[in-house]
Amino acid sequence: MELDVCNGHKQVIPLSHHPDFSKQGYQVINELGRNREGGRVTYLAKVLNSNQQVVIKEFFASVSADWSGVKAYEREVEILQQLNHSRIPRYIDSFEMPGVFYLVQEYKNAPSLSSKRSFHPEQIKQIALSILEILVYLQKQIPPIIHRDIKPENILIDEQLNAYLVDFGLARIQRAKIALSTFVTGTPGFMPPEEQFGHPLTEASDLYSLGATLICLLTNTRSVDICKLIDDNYRFNFQKLVPQISPRFESWLMKMLERNHKRRYANATIALEALKPIEVVDSDTGIENLIRTTKPLKRATILGIATAIALATLGITLMSCQPGITVRQLLESKECQDFDFNGSCQYKTQD
């Protein structure tokens, strides 16, 4: 009970009702979230006679996803019991009450990516690396585990930009067959095309969902609005919203989002290693950006002008060039000391 003041009089107002888990050894602190369509409520609770905090997920028995007769919450328990990763909240307990099932997990004090926060592109790269590390772990299980519902709401992020992957209610073992009645239970805009059309999922399937999640972060787009960034050809069209990202990062991201899973990175390990050396923010000069966006017939002229400017800036007088040197090699040379263009050019610096 709590006291409130209304029209100058104290009034007793009942507190919000929470389930009583004292017999199971838990006490609810507050409600964390509610998914009415999914038939789930999530509570923050503490272990009685302890300071340990846990998350209790409430599943209503009348609402369930079905993989050959297996309910979603049973699948989640089965998978969580197999996992031991510092950034996947561990399974602690489960119990039932009439018509309701409860899952108890480790609590991570971190908000989800769906909360109103903005990140610098380099921070988004760090988040991507962190998520990919978790996917590498899942895909190394025997058989591999596919999460199937990667989106901002299911990723928690702490102050050090460490990502935590939650909600394995749709996850499945790769070799397991999926019932036709439930193959579209993921989130629109984040589901890979192969899942939408009932084709077999692969280790590349979660990469598509991660790519869509990263676009949400780069463009500050809410999950419910992600489809607004998909054009009539069912491809993401976001480049104008994030002009500062580098061509290499854009290429990496578009490969994650290939509609044909065979054209994506084959798995999280390959995607992770490909991303590590990439600079996310475009460090090109304005001239180089112009070259990249200019029609091919005009590029030769611009390249020539850019070469002259680059050489003048570096204080280099080009003395002679042997066949084989290209203008683009000149442009890509960033150091002004002790480089010889692979022996193709001889030059001297001005005094």
Protein backbone atom coordinates (compact mmCIF):
# COMPACT_ATOMS: atom_id res chain seq x y z
CA MET A 1 0.00 0.00 0.00
CA GLU A 2 1.10 3.60 -0.51
CA LEU A 3 -0.19 7.06 0.47
CA ASP A 4 -1.16 9.77 -1.98
CA VAL A 5 -2.57 13.26 -1.54
CA CYS A 6 -5.74 14.17 -3.44
CA ASN A 7 -7.66 17.39 -2.85
CA GLY A 8 -5.79 17.89 0.41
CA HIS A 9 -6.71 14.50 1.84
CA LYS A 10 -4.48 11.49 2.32
CA GLN A 11 -5.72 8.50 0.42
CA VAL A 12 -4.67 4.86 0.50
CA ILE A 13 -3.99 3.49 -2.97
CA PRO A 14 -3.20 -0.20 -3.55
CA LEU A 15 0.15 -1.07 -5.09
CA SER A 16 0.25 -2.79 -8.48
CA HIS A 17 -0.45 -6.46 -8.12
CA HIS A 18 2.48 -8.82 -8.76
CA PRO A 19 2.53 -12.61 -8.53
CA ASP A 20 3.58 -14.14 -5.22
CA PHE A 21 6.67 -16.28 -5.79
CA SER A 22 7.63 -16.60 -2.12
CA LYS A 23 7.08 -20.37 -2.16
CA GLN A 24 9.50 -20.60 -5.07
CA GLY A 25 12.04 -18.44 -3.25
CA TYR A 26 11.62 -15.16 -5.15
CA GLN A 27 10.11 -11.73 -4.54
CA VAL A 28 9.05 -9.49 -7.42
CA ILE A 29 10.59 -6.00 -7.44
CA ASN A 30 8.84 -4.56 -10.48
CA GLU A 31 7.60 -5.37 -13.97
CA LEU A 32 10.19 -5.00 -16.73
CA GLY A 33 8.06 -5.52 -19.79
CA ARG A 34 4.86 -6.93 -21.21
CA ASN A 35 4.23 -8.59 -24.55
CA ARG A 36 0.47 -8.98 -24.79
CA GLU A 37 0.49 -10.53 -28.26
CA GLY A 38 3.15 -13.02 -27.25
CA GLY A 39 1.47 -13.81 -23.95
CA ARG A 40 4.50 -12.91 -21.84
CA VAL A 41 5.30 -10.68 -18.90
CA THR A 42 8.81 -10.11 -17.57
CA TYR A 43 9.55 -9.27 -13.93
CA LEU A 44 12.64 -8.16 -12.06
CA ALA A 45 12.84 -10.11 -8.80
CA LYS A 46 15.28 -10.97 -6.06
CA VAL A 47 16.15 -14.25 -4.45
CA LEU A 48 14.72 -14.35 -0.93
CA ASN A 49 17.30 -13.93 1.84
CA SER A 50 19.79 -12.77 -0.79
CA ASN A 51 20.75 -9.68 -2.76
CA GLN A 52 20.83 -11.63 -6.01
CA GLN A 53 18.51 -10.23 -8.67
CA VAL A 54 16.89 -12.37 -11.34
CA VAL A 55 14.52 -12.04 -14.28
CA ILE A 56 11.31 -14.07 -14.21
CA LYS A 57 9.52 -14.52 -17.52
CA GLU A 58 5.86 -15.41 -17.34
CA PHE A 59 4.35 -17.45 -20.20
CA PHE A 60 0.63 -17.97 -20.50
CA ALA A 61 -0.12 -21.55 -21.46
CA SER A 62 -2.79 -20.55 -23.96
CA VAL A 63 -0.27 -18.76 -26.16
CA SER A 64 2.61 -20.78 -27.54
CA ALA A 65 4.70 -21.28 -30.63
CA ASP A 66 4.76 -24.85 -31.86
CA TRP A 67 7.67 -26.75 -33.37
CA SER A 68 6.29 -30.26 -33.92
CA GLY A 69 4.34 -30.03 -30.67
CA VAL A 70 7.04 -28.37 -28.56
CA LYS A 71 6.03 -25.11 -26.90
CA ALA A 72 8.23 -22.04 -27.23
CA TYR A 73 9.07 -21.80 -23.56
CA GLU A 74 10.07 -25.45 -23.41
CA ARG A 75 12.38 -24.90 -26.36
CA GLU A 76 13.89 -21.86 -24.65
CA VAL A 77 14.59 -23.82 -21.47
CA GLU A 78 16.10 -26.68 -23.44
CA ILE A 79 18.47 -24.35 -25.29
CA LEU A 80 19.41 -22.17 -22.32
CA GLN A 81 20.35 -25.22 -20.29
CA GLN A 82 23.00 -26.02 -22.92
CA LEU A 83 24.61 -22.59 -22.93
CA ASN A 84 27.40 -21.16 -20.82
CA HIS A 85 28.42 -17.75 -22.11
CA SER A 86 29.06 -14.62 -20.06
CA ARG A 87 26.87 -12.52 -22.35
CA ILE A 88 23.90 -14.86 -22.51
CA PRO A 89 21.88 -14.60 -19.27
CA ARG A 90 22.12 -18.09 -17.79
CA TYR A 91 19.22 -20.34 -16.96
CA ILE A 92 18.52 -20.55 -13.21
CA ASP A 93 15.14 -22.16 -12.64
CA SER A 94 11.67 -22.82 -14.03
CA PHE A 95 8.33 -23.68 -12.43
CA GLU A 96 4.65 -23.83 -13.21
CA MET A 97 1.41 -22.51 -11.73
CA PRO A 98 -2.09 -23.25 -13.03
CA GLY A 99 -2.14 -22.16 -16.65
CA VAL A 100 1.18 -20.32 -16.43
CA PHE A 101 4.84 -21.26 -16.88
CA TYR A 102 7.76 -19.28 -15.39
CA LEU A 103 11.38 -19.12 -16.50
CA VAL A 104 14.04 -17.66 -14.17
CA GLN A 105 17.24 -16.22 -15.65
CA GLU A 106 20.28 -14.26 -14.58
CA TYR A 107 19.65 -10.50 -14.52
CA LYS A 108 21.86 -8.17 -16.53
CA ASN A 109 21.67 -4.51 -15.53
CA ALA A 110 21.73 -3.13 -19.06
CA PRO A 111 19.06 -1.50 -21.25
CA SER A 112 18.06 -2.91 -24.60
CA LEU A 113 19.11 -1.35 -27.88
CA SER A 114 15.48 -0.40 -28.43
CA SER A 115 15.72 2.28 -25.74
CA LYS A 116 16.15 5.82 -27.01
CA ARG A 117 19.92 6.03 -27.37
CA SER A 118 22.17 7.12 -30.20
CA PHE A 119 25.59 5.69 -30.98
CA HIS A 120 28.56 6.88 -33.02
CA PRO A 121 29.29 4.60 -36.00
CA GLU A 122 32.50 3.37 -34.34
CA GLN A 123 30.48 2.42 -31.27
CA ILE A 124 28.04 0.57 -33.50
CA LYS A 125 30.96 -1.41 -34.89
CA GLN A 126 31.97 -2.36 -31.35
CA ILE A 127 28.41 -3.49 -30.64
CA ALA A 128 28.39 -5.51 -33.86
CA LEU A 129 31.64 -7.24 -32.91
CA SER A 130 30.24 -8.07 -29.49
CA ILE A 131 27.08 -9.62 -30.95
CA LEU A 132 29.06 -11.55 -33.55
CA GLU A 133 31.17 -13.05 -30.78
CA ILE A 134 28.00 -14.43 -29.20
CA LEU A 135 26.81 -15.79 -32.55
CA VAL A 136 30.18 -17.47 -33.07
CA TYR A 137 29.65 -19.25 -29.74
CA LEU A 138 26.12 -20.32 -30.68
CA GLN A 139 27.20 -21.54 -34.09
CA LYS A 140 30.01 -23.61 -32.60
CA GLN A 141 27.53 -25.65 -30.60
CA ILE A 142 26.93 -29.17 -31.87
CA PRO A 143 24.62 -28.84 -33.69
CA PRO A 144 24.68 -25.05 -34.24
CA ILE A 145 21.99 -22.89 -32.61
CA ILE A 146 20.12 -20.24 -34.60
CA HIS A 147 18.55 -17.47 -32.52
CA ARG A 148 15.92 -16.48 -35.12
CA ASP A 149 14.85 -13.24 -33.45
CA ILE A 150 17.81 -10.87 -33.37
CA LYS A 151 16.54 -7.30 -33.12
CA PRO A 152 17.20 -4.26 -30.89
CA GLU A 153 14.67 -5.40 -28.26
CA ASN A 154 16.56 -8.67 -27.73
CA ILE A 155 20.00 -7.14 -27.33
CA LEU A 156 21.07 -5.52 -24.07
CA ILE A 157 24.03 -3.15 -24.00
CA ASP A 158 26.05 -2.00 -20.99
CA GLU A 159 28.10 1.15 -20.52
CA GLN A 160 31.20 -0.56 -21.95
CA LEU A 161 29.21 -1.46 -25.10
CA ASN A 162 29.21 -5.16 -24.25
CA ALA A 163 26.19 -6.81 -25.86
CA TYR A 164 23.99 -9.45 -24.22
CA LEU A 165 21.66 -11.63 -26.27
CA VAL A 166 18.31 -12.51 -24.71
CA ASP A 167 14.97 -14.14 -25.58
CA PHE A 168 15.68 -17.56 -27.05
CA GLY A 169 11.99 -18.34 -27.34
CA LEU A 170 12.24 -18.71 -31.13
CA ALA A 171 15.72 -20.22 -31.21
CA ARG A 172 16.18 -23.67 -32.63
CA ILE A 173 18.84 -26.22 -33.33
CA GLN A 174 19.94 -25.97 -36.95
CA ARG A 175 19.20 -29.56 -37.91
CA ALA A 176 15.69 -29.47 -36.38
CA LYS A 177 12.83 -29.11 -38.83
CA ILE A 178 10.48 -26.17 -38.43
CA ALA A 179 6.73 -26.50 -38.76
CA LEU A 180 5.13 -24.60 -41.62
CA SER A 181 2.62 -23.05 -39.23
CA THR A 182 5.34 -21.17 -37.40
CA PHE A 183 8.09 -20.40 -39.90
CA VAL A 184 7.03 -16.74 -39.99
CA THR A 185 7.05 -16.14 -36.24
CA GLY A 186 10.01 -13.76 -36.36
CA THR A 187 9.86 -9.97 -36.57
CA PRO A 188 9.00 -8.33 -39.95
CA GLY A 189 11.96 -6.47 -41.39
CA PHE A 190 14.43 -8.55 -39.40
CA MET A 191 13.51 -11.99 -40.70
CA PRO A 192 15.83 -13.27 -43.43
CA PRO A 193 14.09 -13.96 -46.75
CA GLU A 194 14.70 -17.70 -46.50
CA GLU A 195 12.64 -17.82 -43.30
CA GLN A 196 9.81 -15.80 -44.82
CA PHE A 197 9.50 -18.33 -47.63
CA GLY A 198 9.95 -21.43 -45.51
CA HIS A 199 13.39 -22.40 -46.79
CA PRO A 200 15.97 -24.04 -44.50
CA LEU A 201 17.78 -21.69 -42.14
CA THR A 202 21.58 -21.58 -42.05
CA GLU A 203 24.30 -19.95 -39.98
CA ALA A 204 23.96 -16.96 -42.29
CA SER A 205 20.32 -16.43 -41.29
CA ASP A 206 21.06 -14.61 -38.02
CA LEU A 207 23.55 -12.40 -39.89
CA TYR A 208 20.71 -10.88 -41.91
CA SER A 209 18.84 -10.01 -38.73
CA LEU A 210 21.98 -8.51 -37.22
CA GLY A 211 22.51 -6.40 -40.35
CA ALA A 212 18.97 -5.02 -40.05
CA THR A 213 19.59 -4.29 -36.36
CA LEU A 214 22.76 -2.33 -37.19
CA ILE A 215 20.83 -0.27 -39.76
CA CYS A 216 18.35 0.64 -37.02
CA LEU A 217 21.25 1.92 -34.91
CA LEU A 218 22.98 3.76 -37.75
CA THR A 219 19.80 5.55 -38.83
CA ASN A 220 18.14 5.93 -35.40
CA THR A 221 15.18 3.98 -36.73
CA ARG A 222 12.75 2.22 -34.40
CA SER A 223 12.25 -1.48 -34.92
CA VAL A 224 8.60 -0.95 -35.83
CA ASP A 225 9.68 1.44 -38.61
CA ILE A 226 12.44 -0.71 -40.12
CA CYS A 227 10.27 -1.67 -43.10
CA LYS A 228 10.23 1.99 -44.17
CA LEU A 229 13.88 1.56 -45.16
CA ILE A 230 13.12 -1.38 -47.46
CA ASP A 231 12.45 -0.44 -51.09
CA ASP A 232 10.15 -2.04 -53.68
CA ASN A 233 12.86 -4.56 -54.54
CA TYR A 234 12.92 -5.70 -50.91
CA ARG A 235 16.38 -4.26 -50.36
CA PHE A 236 17.49 -1.89 -47.63
CA ASN A 237 17.93 1.68 -48.84
CA PHE A 238 19.62 3.59 -46.04
CA GLN A 239 22.83 5.02 -47.50
CA LYS A 240 21.59 8.61 -47.76
CA LEU A 241 20.82 8.58 -44.04
CA VAL A 242 24.39 7.71 -43.04
CA PRO A 243 26.71 9.35 -45.60
CA GLN A 244 29.64 9.35 -43.18
CA ILE A 245 30.21 5.59 -43.14
CA SER A 246 33.09 4.23 -45.18
CA PRO A 247 32.57 2.31 -48.44
CA ARG A 248 34.17 -0.79 -46.89
CA PHE A 249 31.76 -0.81 -43.97
CA GLU A 250 28.82 -0.19 -46.27
CA SER A 251 29.96 -3.11 -48.43
CA TRP A 252 30.31 -5.34 -45.36
CA LEU A 253 26.84 -4.38 -44.17
CA MET A 254 25.22 -4.96 -47.56
CA LYS A 255 26.81 -8.40 -47.72
CA MET A 256 25.20 -9.19 -44.36
CA LEU A 257 21.86 -8.20 -45.90
CA GLU A 258 22.06 -10.13 -49.15
CA ARG A 259 18.66 -11.62 -49.89
CA ASN A 260 20.26 -14.84 -51.12
CA HIS A 261 21.88 -16.43 -48.06
CA LYS A 262 24.59 -17.94 -50.27
CA ARG A 263 25.86 -14.43 -51.01
CA ARG A 264 26.13 -13.47 -47.34
CA TYR A 265 29.03 -14.34 -45.11
CA ALA A 266 28.72 -18.07 -44.50
CA ASN A 267 28.80 -17.75 -40.72
CA ALA A 268 29.49 -15.38 -37.82
CA THR A 269 33.19 -16.25 -37.64
CA ILE A 270 33.82 -15.10 -41.20
CA ALA A 271 31.70 -11.97 -40.73
CA LEU A 272 33.55 -11.14 -37.51
CA GLU A 273 37.00 -11.45 -39.04
CA ALA A 274 35.92 -9.40 -42.07
CA LEU A 275 34.64 -6.56 -39.86
CA LYS A 276 37.61 -6.30 -37.48
CA PRO A 277 40.00 -4.32 -39.76
CA ILE A 278 37.32 -2.07 -41.28
CA GLU A 279 37.20 1.62 -40.40
CA VAL A 280 33.55 2.54 -40.07
CA VAL A 281 33.78 6.31 -40.50
CA ASP A 282 34.71 7.50 -43.96
CA SER A 283 38.18 9.07 -43.85
CA ASP A 284 38.32 9.85 -47.57
CA THR A 285 38.87 13.39 -48.77
CA GLY A 286 36.09 15.26 -50.46
CA ILE A 287 37.75 14.70 -53.84
CA GLU A 288 37.83 10.94 -53.34
CA ASN A 289 34.16 10.95 -52.36
CA LEU A 290 33.45 12.86 -55.57
CA ILE A 291 35.40 10.30 -57.60
CA ARG A 292 33.46 7.43 -56.09
CA THR A 293 30.06 9.02 -56.85
CA THR A 294 30.86 10.42 -60.32
CA LYS A 295 29.86 8.73 -63.54
CA PRO A 296 32.67 6.56 -64.97
CA LEU A 297 33.17 8.71 -68.07
CA LYS A 298 34.05 11.73 -65.93
CA ARG A 299 36.30 9.94 -63.45
CA ALA A 300 39.50 10.12 -65.51
CA THR A 301 39.44 13.92 -65.54
CA ILE A 302 38.71 14.17 -61.82
CA LEU A 303 41.39 11.60 -61.04
CA GLY A 304 43.94 13.69 -62.90
CA ILE A 305 43.03 16.80 -60.94
CA ALA A 306 43.03 14.88 -57.69
CA THR A 307 46.49 13.48 -58.43
CA ALA A 308 47.96 16.94 -58.96
CA ILE A 309 46.41 18.22 -55.72
CA ALA A 310 47.58 15.20 -53.76
CA LEU A 311 51.15 15.50 -55.00
CA ALA A 312 51.26 19.23 -54.35
CA THR A 313 49.98 18.73 -50.83
CA LEU A 314 52.66 16.15 -50.11
CA GLY A 315 55.36 18.40 -51.54
CA ILE A 316 56.40 15.81 -54.09
CA THR A 317 57.69 16.49 -57.59
CA LEU A 318 57.11 13.51 -59.80
CA MET A 319 60.25 13.08 -61.93
CA SER A 320 59.53 10.04 -64.01
CA CYS A 321 57.16 7.11 -64.03
CA GLN A 322 57.56 3.73 -65.61
CA PRO A 323 54.57 1.96 -67.14
CA GLY A 324 52.38 0.17 -64.65
CA ILE A 325 51.70 2.91 -62.09
CA THR A 326 48.03 3.89 -61.82
CA VAL A 327 46.51 7.14 -60.71
CA ARG A 328 44.52 5.34 -58.02
CA GLN A 329 47.78 4.00 -56.53
CA LEU A 330 48.96 7.58 -56.23
CA LEU A 331 45.75 8.61 -54.53
CA GLU A 332 45.87 5.71 -52.09
CA SER A 333 49.42 6.53 -51.00
CA LYS A 334 49.04 8.32 -47.66
CA GLU A 335 52.62 8.51 -46.43
CA CYS A 336 55.00 11.14 -47.78
CA GLN A 337 58.27 9.55 -46.69
CA ASP A 338 60.17 6.56 -48.06
CA PHE A 339 57.62 5.23 -50.52
CA ASP A 340 58.53 4.33 -54.09
CA PHE A 341 55.21 3.27 -55.62
CA ASN A 342 56.48 -0.32 -55.79
CA GLY A 343 59.54 0.80 -57.72
CA SER A 344 57.52 2.19 -60.59
CA CYS A 345 58.28 5.87 -59.90
CA GLN A 346 61.34 7.82 -58.95
CA TYR A 347 60.88 11.17 -57.27
CA LYS A 348 62.53 13.60 -54.92
CA THR A 349 61.11 15.80 -52.23
CA GLN A 350 61.46 19.55 -52.55
CA ASP A 351 63.85 21.34 -50.24
